Amino acid sequence: VQLQASGGGLVQPGGSLRLSCVVSGRRISTKYMGWYRQAPGKEREWVARIIPNGLTDYADSVKGRFTISRDNAKNTLYLQMDSLKPDDTAVYSCNLVISAAVKYWGEGTLVTVSS
């Protein structure tokens, strides 16, 4: 199983980015998937999740600004990030949950929010 995240970059405060996570080796339609981030000098934190029936959940810090979604046909997970703030600066990673003991992670993509 491989997960490849992309879409990061430099954006001004208030701007938007869309991250993608392409998954190979497993179909994502029946799996829990999520986005996490790790800011410089901080621990990794959970950002958003989507479950097989399509329900989503978000950390309070991003609720109302970020939207997680997936395209089952493309086996791809997305994170639409709007109204970005400097505090959103971090390396963003996607994960795929097979079971409580088996989780796959992709390499992160760096998001920098700065003027």
C-alpha atoms as a PDB file:
ATOM      1  CA  VAL A   1       0.000   0.000   0.000  1.00  0.00           C
ATOM      2  CA  GLN A   2       1.314   3.436  -0.921  1.00  0.00           C
ATOM      3  CA  LEU A   3      -0.069   6.876  -0.184  1.00  0.00           C
ATOM      4  CA  GLN A   4       1.274   9.921  -2.015  1.00  0.00           C
ATOM      5  CA  ALA A   5       0.266  13.364  -0.790  1.00  0.00           C
ATOM      6  CA  SER A   6       0.668  16.491  -2.879  1.00  0.00           C
ATOM      7  CA  GLY A   7      -0.657  19.998  -3.276  1.00  0.00           C
ATOM      8  CA  GLY A   8       1.229  21.837  -0.575  1.00  0.00           C
ATOM      9  CA  GLY A   9       2.944  25.145  -1.099  1.00  0.00           C
ATOM     10  CA  LEU A  10       3.225  28.732  -0.013  1.00  0.00           C
ATOM     11  CA  VAL A  11      -0.006  30.676   0.350  1.00  0.00           C
ATOM     12  CA  GLN A  12      -0.925  34.018   1.864  1.00  0.00           C
ATOM     13  CA  PRO A  13      -3.191  34.229   4.905  1.00  0.00           C
ATOM     14  CA  GLY A  14      -6.800  33.953   3.812  1.00  0.00           C
ATOM     15  CA  GLY A  15      -5.853  31.885   0.785  1.00  0.00           C
ATOM     16  CA  SER A  16      -6.782  28.355  -0.219  1.00  0.00           C
ATOM     17  CA  LEU A  17      -5.059  25.119  -1.130  1.00  0.00           C
ATOM     18  CA  ARG A  18      -6.287  21.666  -2.011  1.00  0.00           C
ATOM     19  CA  LEU A  19      -4.256  18.674  -0.939  1.00  0.00           C
ATOM     20  CA  SER A  20      -4.524  15.301  -2.641  1.00  0.00           C
ATOM     21  CA  CYS A  21      -3.566  11.842  -1.436  1.00  0.00           C
ATOM     22  CA  VAL A  22      -3.443   9.149  -4.084  1.00  0.00           C
ATOM     23  CA  VAL A  23      -3.666   5.611  -2.723  1.00  0.00           C
ATOM     24  CA  SER A  24      -2.399   2.526  -4.496  1.00  0.00           C
ATOM     25  CA  GLY A  25      -2.699  -1.067  -3.376  1.00  0.00           C
ATOM     26  CA  ARG A  26      -6.023  -0.759  -1.526  1.00  0.00           C
ATOM     27  CA  ARG A  27      -9.445   0.535  -2.456  1.00  0.00           C
ATOM     28  CA  ILE A  28     -10.320   3.463  -0.208  1.00  0.00           C
ATOM     29  CA  SER A  29     -14.102   3.297  -0.514  1.00  0.00           C
ATOM     30  CA  THR A  30     -14.499   0.961   2.469  1.00  0.00           C
ATOM     31  CA  LYS A  31     -11.750   2.402   4.640  1.00  0.00           C
ATOM     32  CA  TYR A  32     -11.389   5.118   7.240  1.00  0.00           C
ATOM     33  CA  MET A  33      -9.025   7.822   6.056  1.00  0.00           C
ATOM     34  CA  GLY A  34      -7.700  10.973   7.619  1.00  0.00           C
ATOM     35  CA  TRP A  35      -5.435  13.967   7.422  1.00  0.00           C
ATOM     36  CA  TYR A  36      -2.921  14.893  10.097  1.00  0.00           C
ATOM     37  CA  ARG A  37      -0.426  17.703  10.384  1.00  0.00           C
ATOM     38  CA  GLN A  38       2.768  18.448  12.239  1.00  0.00           C
ATOM     39  CA  ALA A  39       3.931  21.993  12.748  1.00  0.00           C
ATOM     40  CA  PRO A  40       7.595  22.817  13.435  1.00  0.00           C
ATOM     41  CA  GLY A  41       8.473  21.938  17.009  1.00  0.00           C
ATOM     42  CA  LYS A  42       5.042  20.455  17.738  1.00  0.00           C
ATOM     43  CA  GLU A  43       3.547  17.005  17.919  1.00  0.00           C
ATOM     44  CA  ARG A  44       1.477  15.601  15.087  1.00  0.00           C
ATOM     45  CA  GLU A  45      -2.200  16.425  15.401  1.00  0.00           C
ATOM     46  CA  TRP A  46      -5.293  15.043  13.792  1.00  0.00           C
ATOM     47  CA  VAL A  47      -7.050  17.357  11.315  1.00  0.00           C
ATOM     48  CA  ALA A  48      -9.953  15.514   9.683  1.00  0.00           C
ATOM     49  CA  ARG A  49     -11.376  12.067   8.964  1.00  0.00           C
ATOM     50  CA  ILE A  50     -13.819  10.486   6.582  1.00  0.00           C
ATOM     51  CA  ILE A  51     -15.475   7.148   7.199  1.00  0.00           C
ATOM     52  CA  PRO A  52     -16.782   4.632   4.658  1.00  0.00           C
ATOM     53  CA  ASN A  53     -20.347   5.952   4.658  1.00  0.00           C
ATOM     54  CA  GLY A  54     -19.037   9.421   3.839  1.00  0.00           C
ATOM     55  CA  LEU A  55     -19.469  11.043   7.221  1.00  0.00           C
ATOM     56  CA  THR A  56     -16.730  13.493   8.135  1.00  0.00           C
ATOM     57  CA  ASP A  57     -15.287  14.926  11.304  1.00  0.00           C
ATOM     58  CA  TYR A  58     -12.886  17.799  11.957  1.00  0.00           C
ATOM     59  CA  ALA A  59     -10.624  19.191  14.620  1.00  0.00           C
ATOM     60  CA  ASP A  60     -12.068  22.326  16.178  1.00  0.00           C
ATOM     61  CA  SER A  61      -9.156  24.367  14.870  1.00  0.00           C
ATOM     62  CA  VAL A  62     -10.128  23.736  11.228  1.00  0.00           C
ATOM     63  CA  LYS A  63     -13.888  23.228  11.435  1.00  0.00           C
ATOM     64  CA  GLY A  64     -15.698  25.441   8.963  1.00  0.00           C
ATOM     65  CA  ARG A  65     -12.536  26.134   6.970  1.00  0.00           C
ATOM     66  CA  PHE A  66     -11.341  22.702   5.819  1.00  0.00           C
ATOM     67  CA  THR A  67     -13.275  20.051   3.909  1.00  0.00           C
ATOM     68  CA  ILE A  68     -12.222  16.432   3.575  1.00  0.00           C
ATOM     69  CA  SER A  69     -13.549  14.387   0.674  1.00  0.00           C
ATOM     70  CA  ARG A  70     -12.679  11.425  -1.473  1.00  0.00           C
ATOM     71  CA  ASP A  71     -13.083  10.258  -5.050  1.00  0.00           C
ATOM     72  CA  ASN A  72     -13.491   6.490  -4.950  1.00  0.00           C
ATOM     73  CA  ALA A  73     -13.079   6.149  -8.711  1.00  0.00           C
ATOM     74  CA  LYS A  74      -9.691   7.866  -8.512  1.00  0.00           C
ATOM     75  CA  ASN A  75      -8.831   6.239  -5.174  1.00  0.00           C
ATOM     76  CA  THR A  76      -7.878   9.675  -3.948  1.00  0.00           C
ATOM     77  CA  LEU A  77      -8.437  11.587  -0.717  1.00  0.00           C
ATOM     78  CA  TYR A  78      -8.634  15.387  -0.687  1.00  0.00           C
ATOM     79  CA  LEU A  79      -8.387  18.201   1.814  1.00  0.00           C
ATOM     80  CA  GLN A  80      -9.759  21.560   0.693  1.00  0.00           C
ATOM     81  CA  MET A  81      -8.289  24.244   2.920  1.00  0.00           C
ATOM     82  CA  ASP A  82      -9.839  27.718   2.874  1.00  0.00           C
ATOM     83  CA  SER A  83      -9.280  30.840   4.947  1.00  0.00           C
ATOM     84  CA  LEU A  84      -5.812  29.637   5.777  1.00  0.00           C
ATOM     85  CA  LYS A  85      -4.012  31.089   8.779  1.00  0.00           C
ATOM     86  CA  PRO A  86      -0.318  31.179   9.689  1.00  0.00           C
ATOM     87  CA  ASP A  87      -1.084  28.629  12.424  1.00  0.00           C
ATOM     88  CA  ASP A  88      -2.029  26.168   9.675  1.00  0.00           C
ATOM     89  CA  THR A  89       1.599  26.013   8.581  1.00  0.00           C
ATOM     90  CA  ALA A  90       2.679  22.371   8.881  1.00  0.00           C
ATOM     91  CA  VAL A  91       3.540  19.198   7.053  1.00  0.00           C
ATOM     92  CA  TYR A  92       0.263  17.509   6.164  1.00  0.00           C
ATOM     93  CA  SER A  93       0.035  13.736   5.888  1.00  0.00           C
ATOM     94  CA  CYS A  94      -2.746  11.349   4.953  1.00  0.00           C
ATOM     95  CA  ASN A  95      -3.438   7.991   6.502  1.00  0.00           C
ATOM     96  CA  LEU A  96      -5.418   4.886   5.637  1.00  0.00           C
ATOM     97  CA  VAL A  97      -6.801   2.711   8.421  1.00  0.00           C
ATOM     98  CA  ILE A  98      -7.063  -1.009   7.751  1.00  0.00           C
ATOM     99  CA  SER A  99      -7.570  -1.974  11.393  1.00  0.00           C
ATOM    100  CA  ALA A 100      -6.671  -0.738  14.849  1.00  0.00           C
ATOM    101  CA  ALA A 101      -3.271  -2.311  14.409  1.00  0.00           C
ATOM    102  CA  VAL A 102      -2.678  -1.616  10.725  1.00  0.00           C
ATOM    103  CA  LYS A 103      -2.440   1.921   9.428  1.00  0.00           C
ATOM    104  CA  TYR A 104      -0.605   3.282   6.438  1.00  0.00           C
ATOM    105  CA  TRP A 105       0.886   6.735   6.133  1.00  0.00           C
ATOM    106  CA  GLY A 106       2.003   8.767   3.180  1.00  0.00           C
ATOM    107  CA  GLU A 107       4.884  11.163   3.039  1.00  0.00           C
ATOM    108  CA  GLY A 108       3.751  14.634   3.937  1.00  0.00           C
ATOM    109  CA  THR A 109       3.345  17.760   1.899  1.00  0.00           C
ATOM    110  CA  LEU A 110       4.422  21.107   3.325  1.00  0.00           C
ATOM    111  CA  VAL A 111       1.911  23.920   3.648  1.00  0.00           C
ATOM    112  CA  THR A 112       3.288  27.345   4.496  1.00  0.00           C
ATOM    113  CA  VAL A 113       0.904  30.196   5.237  1.00  0.00           C
ATOM    114  CA  SER A 114       2.757  33.475   5.236  1.00  0.00           C
ATOM    115  CA  SER A 115       2.606  36.956   3.799  1.00  0.00           C
END
